[in-house]
């Protein structure tokens, strides 16, 4: 059983780069990767609103608890034992600024992706399923 499920946008080059890194570091199979664009997504995950998950990273714990944005990022990277410095972004004073920066990034990720990768969206990005 997976410790958490990450709901990700497979059409976002930056999102896919992060998912591929996470998958490479997830040697214990703690993460289930759920593509928002996968056929049958709505039937398999009826409790997840794809348009909300498209706007902000969603992670579901095995307990059913939901985490969003940087709280979700911190949890998934902690699960694979990487990027331990992310705890800094969850400290009280920094958290406020970091969350606003995340929301800016999430809102403009296609434009940011274009600046960094030359692609706003990709139609054929994928990672292998790990159910």
N, C-alpha and C. Protein backbone atom coordinates (compact mmCIF):
# COMPACT_ATOMS: atom_id res chain seq x y z
N UNK A 1 0.84 -1.19 0.00
CA UNK A 1 0.00 0.00 0.00
C UNK A 1 0.88 1.25 0.00
N UNK A 2 0.49 2.21 -0.78
CA UNK A 2 1.23 3.47 -0.89
C UNK A 2 0.93 4.37 0.31
N UNK A 3 1.93 5.12 0.72
CA UNK A 3 1.74 6.07 1.82
C UNK A 3 1.00 7.31 1.36
N UNK A 4 1.17 7.65 0.08
CA UNK A 4 0.50 8.84 -0.43
C UNK A 4 0.30 8.74 -1.92
N UNK A 5 -0.68 9.49 -2.39
CA UNK A 5 -0.98 9.58 -3.82
C UNK A 5 -0.80 11.03 -4.24
N UNK A 6 -0.05 11.21 -5.30
CA UNK A 6 0.16 12.56 -5.83
C UNK A 6 -0.63 12.68 -7.13
N UNK A 7 -1.43 13.73 -7.22
CA UNK A 7 -2.24 14.01 -8.39
C UNK A 7 -1.52 15.06 -9.20
N UNK A 8 -1.04 14.69 -10.38
CA UNK A 8 -0.16 15.57 -11.14
C UNK A 8 -0.66 15.80 -12.56
N UNK A 9 -0.16 16.87 -13.15
CA UNK A 9 -0.50 17.28 -14.51
C UNK A 9 0.58 16.77 -15.47
N UNK A 10 0.27 15.72 -16.18
CA UNK A 10 1.26 15.11 -17.09
C UNK A 10 1.51 15.96 -18.34
N UNK A 11 0.75 17.01 -18.55
CA UNK A 11 0.97 17.87 -19.71
C UNK A 11 1.89 19.04 -19.40
N UNK A 12 2.33 19.15 -18.15
CA UNK A 12 3.21 20.23 -17.73
C UNK A 12 4.65 19.72 -17.70
N UNK A 13 5.52 20.28 -18.54
CA UNK A 13 6.91 19.81 -18.56
C UNK A 13 7.62 19.92 -17.20
N UNK A 14 7.37 21.00 -16.47
CA UNK A 14 8.02 21.15 -15.16
C UNK A 14 7.48 20.14 -14.15
N UNK A 15 6.17 19.92 -14.19
CA UNK A 15 5.55 18.93 -13.30
C UNK A 15 6.12 17.54 -13.60
N UNK A 16 6.24 17.23 -14.88
CA UNK A 16 6.74 15.92 -15.27
C UNK A 16 8.19 15.73 -14.84
N UNK A 17 8.99 16.78 -14.94
CA UNK A 17 10.38 16.67 -14.50
C UNK A 17 10.43 16.33 -13.02
N UNK A 18 9.57 16.97 -12.23
CA UNK A 18 9.55 16.67 -10.79
C UNK A 18 9.04 15.27 -10.52
N UNK A 19 8.01 14.84 -11.25
CA UNK A 19 7.47 13.49 -11.03
C UNK A 19 8.52 12.42 -11.38
N UNK A 20 9.26 12.65 -12.44
CA UNK A 20 10.31 11.70 -12.82
C UNK A 20 11.40 11.63 -11.76
N UNK A 21 11.75 12.78 -11.18
CA UNK A 21 12.73 12.79 -10.09
C UNK A 21 12.19 12.04 -8.87
N UNK A 22 10.94 12.32 -8.53
CA UNK A 22 10.33 11.64 -7.38
C UNK A 22 10.30 10.13 -7.61
N UNK A 23 9.88 9.72 -8.79
CA UNK A 23 9.80 8.29 -9.09
C UNK A 23 11.19 7.65 -8.99
N UNK A 24 12.21 8.34 -9.45
CA UNK A 24 13.57 7.80 -9.38
C UNK A 24 14.04 7.63 -7.93
N UNK A 25 13.58 8.49 -7.04
CA UNK A 25 13.99 8.43 -5.64
C UNK A 25 13.07 7.57 -4.78
N UNK A 26 11.94 7.16 -5.33
CA UNK A 26 10.94 6.39 -4.57
C UNK A 26 11.24 4.89 -4.62
N UNK A 27 12.38 4.51 -4.08
CA UNK A 27 12.81 3.11 -4.15
C UNK A 27 11.94 2.17 -3.30
N UNK A 28 11.21 2.71 -2.35
CA UNK A 28 10.36 1.87 -1.49
C UNK A 28 8.90 1.88 -1.93
N UNK A 29 8.60 2.52 -3.03
CA UNK A 29 7.24 2.52 -3.56
C UNK A 29 6.22 3.19 -2.65
N UNK A 30 6.61 4.28 -2.04
CA UNK A 30 5.71 4.98 -1.12
C UNK A 30 4.67 5.84 -1.83
N UNK A 31 4.95 6.19 -3.08
CA UNK A 31 4.09 7.14 -3.80
C UNK A 31 3.33 6.45 -4.93
N UNK A 32 2.04 6.76 -5.01
CA UNK A 32 1.23 6.40 -6.17
C UNK A 32 1.11 7.67 -6.99
N UNK A 33 1.38 7.59 -8.28
CA UNK A 33 1.30 8.73 -9.18
C UNK A 33 -0.01 8.64 -9.95
N UNK A 34 -0.85 9.67 -9.82
CA UNK A 34 -2.15 9.69 -10.49
C UNK A 34 -2.19 10.88 -11.44
N UNK A 35 -2.20 10.59 -12.73
CA UNK A 35 -2.20 11.59 -13.79
C UNK A 35 -3.60 12.17 -13.96
N UNK A 36 -3.72 13.48 -13.80
CA UNK A 36 -5.01 14.14 -13.94
C UNK A 36 -5.63 13.93 -15.32
N UNK A 37 -4.80 13.64 -16.32
CA UNK A 37 -5.27 13.48 -17.69
C UNK A 37 -5.47 12.02 -18.09
N UNK A 38 -5.26 11.11 -17.17
CA UNK A 38 -5.38 9.68 -17.50
C UNK A 38 -6.83 9.31 -17.78
N UNK A 39 -7.00 8.42 -18.72
CA UNK A 39 -8.33 7.91 -19.02
C UNK A 39 -8.90 7.25 -17.77
N UNK A 40 -10.12 7.58 -17.43
CA UNK A 40 -10.76 7.00 -16.27
C UNK A 40 -10.41 7.66 -14.94
N UNK A 41 -9.69 8.79 -14.98
CA UNK A 41 -9.28 9.46 -13.74
C UNK A 41 -10.50 9.78 -12.87
N UNK A 42 -11.53 10.38 -13.47
CA UNK A 42 -12.71 10.80 -12.70
C UNK A 42 -13.41 9.61 -12.03
N UNK A 43 -13.41 8.46 -12.69
CA UNK A 43 -14.03 7.28 -12.10
C UNK A 43 -13.16 6.69 -10.98
N UNK A 44 -11.85 6.70 -11.17
CA UNK A 44 -10.96 6.13 -10.17
C UNK A 44 -10.80 7.04 -8.95
N UNK A 45 -10.85 8.34 -9.16
CA UNK A 45 -10.66 9.31 -8.08
C UNK A 45 -11.81 10.32 -8.07
N UNK A 46 -13.04 9.88 -7.81
CA UNK A 46 -14.19 10.78 -7.88
C UNK A 46 -14.15 11.90 -6.85
N UNK A 47 -13.38 11.74 -5.82
CA UNK A 47 -13.28 12.75 -4.76
C UNK A 47 -12.28 13.87 -5.08
N UNK A 48 -11.58 13.76 -6.20
CA UNK A 48 -10.60 14.77 -6.60
C UNK A 48 -11.17 15.60 -7.74
N UNK A 49 -11.18 16.91 -7.56
CA UNK A 49 -11.61 17.84 -8.61
C UNK A 49 -10.40 18.12 -9.49
N UNK A 50 -10.36 17.59 -10.71
CA UNK A 50 -9.19 17.78 -11.56
C UNK A 50 -8.83 19.25 -11.81
N UNK A 51 -9.84 20.12 -11.93
CA UNK A 51 -9.52 21.53 -12.19
C UNK A 51 -8.86 22.16 -10.96
N UNK A 52 -9.24 21.79 -9.75
CA UNK A 52 -8.58 22.29 -8.54
C UNK A 52 -7.17 21.71 -8.43
N UNK A 53 -7.03 20.42 -8.76
CA UNK A 53 -5.72 19.78 -8.69
C UNK A 53 -4.79 20.31 -9.77
N UNK A 54 -5.35 20.78 -10.86
CA UNK A 54 -4.55 21.39 -11.92
C UNK A 54 -3.95 22.72 -11.44
N UNK A 55 -4.69 23.44 -10.61
CA UNK A 55 -4.26 24.75 -10.13
C UNK A 55 -3.28 24.70 -8.97
N UNK A 56 -3.34 23.60 -8.20
CA UNK A 56 -2.48 23.48 -7.02
C UNK A 56 -2.23 22.00 -6.76
N UNK A 57 -0.97 21.67 -6.49
CA UNK A 57 -0.60 20.28 -6.22
C UNK A 57 -1.46 19.69 -5.11
N UNK A 58 -2.00 18.50 -5.34
CA UNK A 58 -2.80 17.76 -4.36
C UNK A 58 -2.10 16.45 -4.03
N UNK A 59 -1.98 16.15 -2.76
CA UNK A 59 -1.45 14.88 -2.29
C UNK A 59 -2.42 14.31 -1.27
N UNK A 60 -2.72 13.03 -1.42
CA UNK A 60 -3.61 12.35 -0.48
C UNK A 60 -2.82 11.33 0.32
N UNK A 61 -2.91 11.45 1.63
CA UNK A 61 -2.25 10.50 2.52
C UNK A 61 -3.08 9.21 2.56
N UNK A 62 -2.46 8.11 2.97
CA UNK A 62 -3.16 6.83 3.07
C UNK A 62 -4.37 6.95 3.99
N UNK A 63 -4.31 7.85 4.96
CA UNK A 63 -5.41 8.08 5.91
C UNK A 63 -6.58 8.81 5.27
N UNK A 64 -6.37 9.36 4.06
CA UNK A 64 -7.40 10.16 3.40
C UNK A 64 -7.20 11.65 3.58
N UNK A 65 -6.28 12.04 4.47
CA UNK A 65 -5.98 13.46 4.66
C UNK A 65 -5.39 14.03 3.37
N UNK A 66 -5.84 15.23 3.02
CA UNK A 66 -5.35 15.89 1.82
C UNK A 66 -4.36 16.99 2.20
N UNK A 67 -3.30 17.11 1.41
CA UNK A 67 -2.32 18.18 1.54
C UNK A 67 -2.26 18.91 0.20
N UNK A 68 -1.96 20.21 0.26
CA UNK A 68 -1.98 21.03 -0.95
C UNK A 68 -0.73 21.90 -1.04
N UNK A 69 -0.37 22.26 -2.28
CA UNK A 69 0.71 23.21 -2.51
C UNK A 69 2.04 22.79 -1.90
N UNK A 70 2.66 23.71 -1.18
CA UNK A 70 3.97 23.43 -0.60
C UNK A 70 3.91 22.41 0.53
N UNK A 71 2.78 22.32 1.24
CA UNK A 71 2.64 21.27 2.24
C UNK A 71 2.73 19.90 1.56
N UNK A 72 2.11 19.79 0.39
CA UNK A 72 2.16 18.55 -0.40
C UNK A 72 3.58 18.28 -0.89
N UNK A 73 4.24 19.31 -1.42
CA UNK A 73 5.62 19.15 -1.90
C UNK A 73 6.54 18.69 -0.78
N UNK A 74 6.43 19.35 0.35
CA UNK A 74 7.27 18.98 1.49
C UNK A 74 7.04 17.52 1.89
N UNK A 75 5.79 17.09 1.91
CA UNK A 75 5.47 15.72 2.32
C UNK A 75 6.02 14.69 1.32
N UNK A 76 5.86 14.93 0.03
CA UNK A 76 6.32 13.93 -0.93
C UNK A 76 7.83 13.83 -0.96
N UNK A 77 8.52 14.97 -0.87
CA UNK A 77 9.98 14.90 -0.87
C UNK A 77 10.50 14.30 0.44
N UNK A 78 9.81 14.56 1.54
CA UNK A 78 10.19 13.93 2.82
C UNK A 78 10.00 12.42 2.74
N UNK A 79 8.96 11.98 2.06
CA UNK A 79 8.68 10.54 1.95
C UNK A 79 9.81 9.79 1.25
N UNK A 80 10.50 10.47 0.34
CA UNK A 80 11.60 9.81 -0.37
C UNK A 80 12.96 10.21 0.19
N UNK A 81 12.96 10.98 1.27
CA UNK A 81 14.21 11.33 1.95
C UNK A 81 15.08 12.33 1.21
N UNK A 82 14.48 13.16 0.41
CA UNK A 82 15.23 14.16 -0.37
C UNK A 82 14.72 15.56 -0.08
N UNK A 83 15.53 16.54 -0.47
CA UNK A 83 15.19 17.96 -0.32
C UNK A 83 14.75 18.30 1.11
N UNK A 84 15.52 17.85 2.06
CA UNK A 84 15.19 18.07 3.47
C UNK A 84 15.12 19.55 3.82
N UNK A 85 15.77 20.40 3.04
CA UNK A 85 15.76 21.84 3.28
C UNK A 85 14.38 22.46 3.11
N UNK A 86 13.43 21.74 2.49
CA UNK A 86 12.10 22.30 2.26
C UNK A 86 11.37 22.65 3.56
N UNK A 87 11.82 22.08 4.69
CA UNK A 87 11.17 22.41 5.96
C UNK A 87 11.24 23.92 6.22
N UNK A 88 12.26 24.56 5.69
CA UNK A 88 12.41 26.01 5.87
C UNK A 88 11.18 26.75 5.33
N UNK A 89 10.63 26.25 4.24
CA UNK A 89 9.47 26.89 3.62
C UNK A 89 8.20 26.72 4.42
N UNK A 90 8.24 25.88 5.43
CA UNK A 90 7.08 25.64 6.29
C UNK A 90 7.20 26.35 7.64
N UNK A 91 8.30 27.05 7.86
CA UNK A 91 8.45 27.83 9.09
C UNK A 91 7.47 29.00 9.08
N UNK A 92 6.92 29.37 10.25
CA UNK A 92 5.81 30.34 10.31
C UNK A 92 5.98 31.61 9.48
N UNK A 93 7.03 32.36 9.64
CA UNK A 93 7.16 33.63 8.92
C UNK A 93 7.43 33.39 7.44
N UNK A 94 8.27 32.45 7.13
CA UNK A 94 8.62 32.15 5.74
C UNK A 94 7.45 31.52 5.00
N UNK A 95 6.65 30.73 5.71
CA UNK A 95 5.52 30.02 5.12
C UNK A 95 4.60 30.96 4.33
N UNK A 96 4.26 32.10 4.91
CA UNK A 96 3.35 33.04 4.27
C UNK A 96 3.90 33.47 2.91
N UNK A 97 5.16 33.85 2.87
CA UNK A 97 5.79 34.30 1.63
C UNK A 97 5.96 33.14 0.64
N UNK A 98 6.37 31.99 1.15
CA UNK A 98 6.57 30.82 0.29
C UNK A 98 5.26 30.37 -0.35
N UNK A 99 4.18 30.39 0.42
CA UNK A 99 2.88 29.99 -0.14
C UNK A 99 2.42 30.92 -1.23
N UNK A 100 2.66 32.22 -1.07
CA UNK A 100 2.29 33.17 -2.12
C UNK A 100 3.16 32.99 -3.36
N UNK A 101 4.44 32.72 -3.15
CA UNK A 101 5.33 32.45 -4.28
C UNK A 101 4.89 31.18 -5.01
N UNK A 102 4.49 30.15 -4.25
CA UNK A 102 4.00 28.92 -4.87
C UNK A 102 2.75 29.20 -5.71
N UNK A 103 1.81 29.96 -5.17
CA UNK A 103 0.59 30.27 -5.90
C UNK A 103 0.89 31.03 -7.18
N UNK A 104 1.85 31.95 -7.14
CA UNK A 104 2.28 32.66 -8.34
C UNK A 104 2.85 31.67 -9.35
N UNK A 105 3.75 30.80 -8.88
CA UNK A 105 4.35 29.80 -9.76
C UNK A 105 3.28 28.91 -10.38
N UNK A 106 2.36 28.41 -9.54
CA UNK A 106 1.32 27.50 -10.03
C UNK A 106 0.44 28.19 -11.08
N UNK A 107 0.12 29.45 -10.84
CA UNK A 107 -0.73 30.18 -11.78
C UNK A 107 -0.05 30.40 -13.13
N UNK A 108 1.25 30.65 -13.10
CA UNK A 108 1.98 30.98 -14.32
C UNK A 108 2.95 29.88 -14.75
N UNK A 109 2.69 28.64 -14.35
CA UNK A 109 3.66 27.58 -14.63
C UNK A 109 3.83 27.29 -16.11
N UNK A 110 2.81 27.51 -16.91
CA UNK A 110 2.97 27.29 -18.35
C UNK A 110 3.95 28.32 -18.94
N UNK A 111 3.82 29.56 -18.54
CA UNK A 111 4.73 30.59 -19.03
C UNK A 111 6.14 30.37 -18.49
N UNK A 112 6.24 30.00 -17.21
CA UNK A 112 7.54 29.71 -16.61
C UNK A 112 8.17 28.50 -17.29
N UNK A 113 7.36 27.49 -17.56
CA UNK A 113 7.84 26.31 -18.26
C UNK A 113 8.38 26.69 -19.64
N UNK A 114 7.67 27.55 -20.34
CA UNK A 114 8.12 27.97 -21.66
C UNK A 114 9.47 28.67 -21.58
N UNK A 115 9.63 29.53 -20.58
CA UNK A 115 10.90 30.24 -20.40
C UNK A 115 12.05 29.27 -20.09
N UNK A 116 11.76 28.22 -19.30
CA UNK A 116 12.81 27.30 -18.88
C UNK A 116 13.05 26.14 -19.83
N UNK A 117 11.99 25.69 -20.52
CA UNK A 117 12.12 24.48 -21.34
C UNK A 117 11.82 24.71 -22.82
N UNK A 118 11.21 25.86 -23.13
CA UNK A 118 10.81 26.10 -24.51
C UNK A 118 9.47 25.47 -24.84
N UNK A 119 8.82 24.83 -23.85
CA UNK A 119 7.50 24.21 -24.06
C UNK A 119 6.56 24.65 -22.94
N UNK A 120 5.35 25.06 -23.34
CA UNK A 120 4.33 25.38 -22.34
C UNK A 120 3.66 24.10 -21.85
N UNK A 121 3.38 23.21 -22.79
CA UNK A 121 2.66 21.97 -22.50
C UNK A 121 3.30 20.86 -23.29
N UNK A 122 3.11 19.64 -22.85
CA UNK A 122 3.53 18.49 -23.66
C UNK A 122 2.37 17.51 -23.71
N UNK A 123 2.19 16.91 -24.85
CA UNK A 123 1.07 15.99 -25.04
C UNK A 123 1.44 14.55 -24.76
N UNK A 124 2.72 14.23 -24.79
CA UNK A 124 3.11 12.83 -24.67
C UNK A 124 3.98 12.53 -23.45
N UNK A 125 4.00 13.42 -22.47
CA UNK A 125 4.79 13.15 -21.27
C UNK A 125 4.09 12.05 -20.48
N UNK A 126 4.89 11.16 -19.89
CA UNK A 126 4.28 10.12 -19.04
C UNK A 126 5.36 9.49 -18.16
N UNK A 127 4.87 8.87 -17.10
CA UNK A 127 5.71 8.01 -16.27
C UNK A 127 4.98 6.70 -16.18
N UNK A 128 5.69 5.63 -15.91
CA UNK A 128 5.00 4.35 -15.83
C UNK A 128 4.16 4.30 -14.57
N UNK A 129 3.03 3.64 -14.66
CA UNK A 129 2.14 3.51 -13.51
C UNK A 129 2.83 2.74 -12.40
N UNK A 130 2.49 3.08 -11.17
CA UNK A 130 3.06 2.32 -10.06
C UNK A 130 1.97 2.01 -9.04
N UNK A 131 0.90 1.41 -9.52
CA UNK A 131 -0.20 1.02 -8.63
C UNK A 131 0.18 -0.24 -7.98
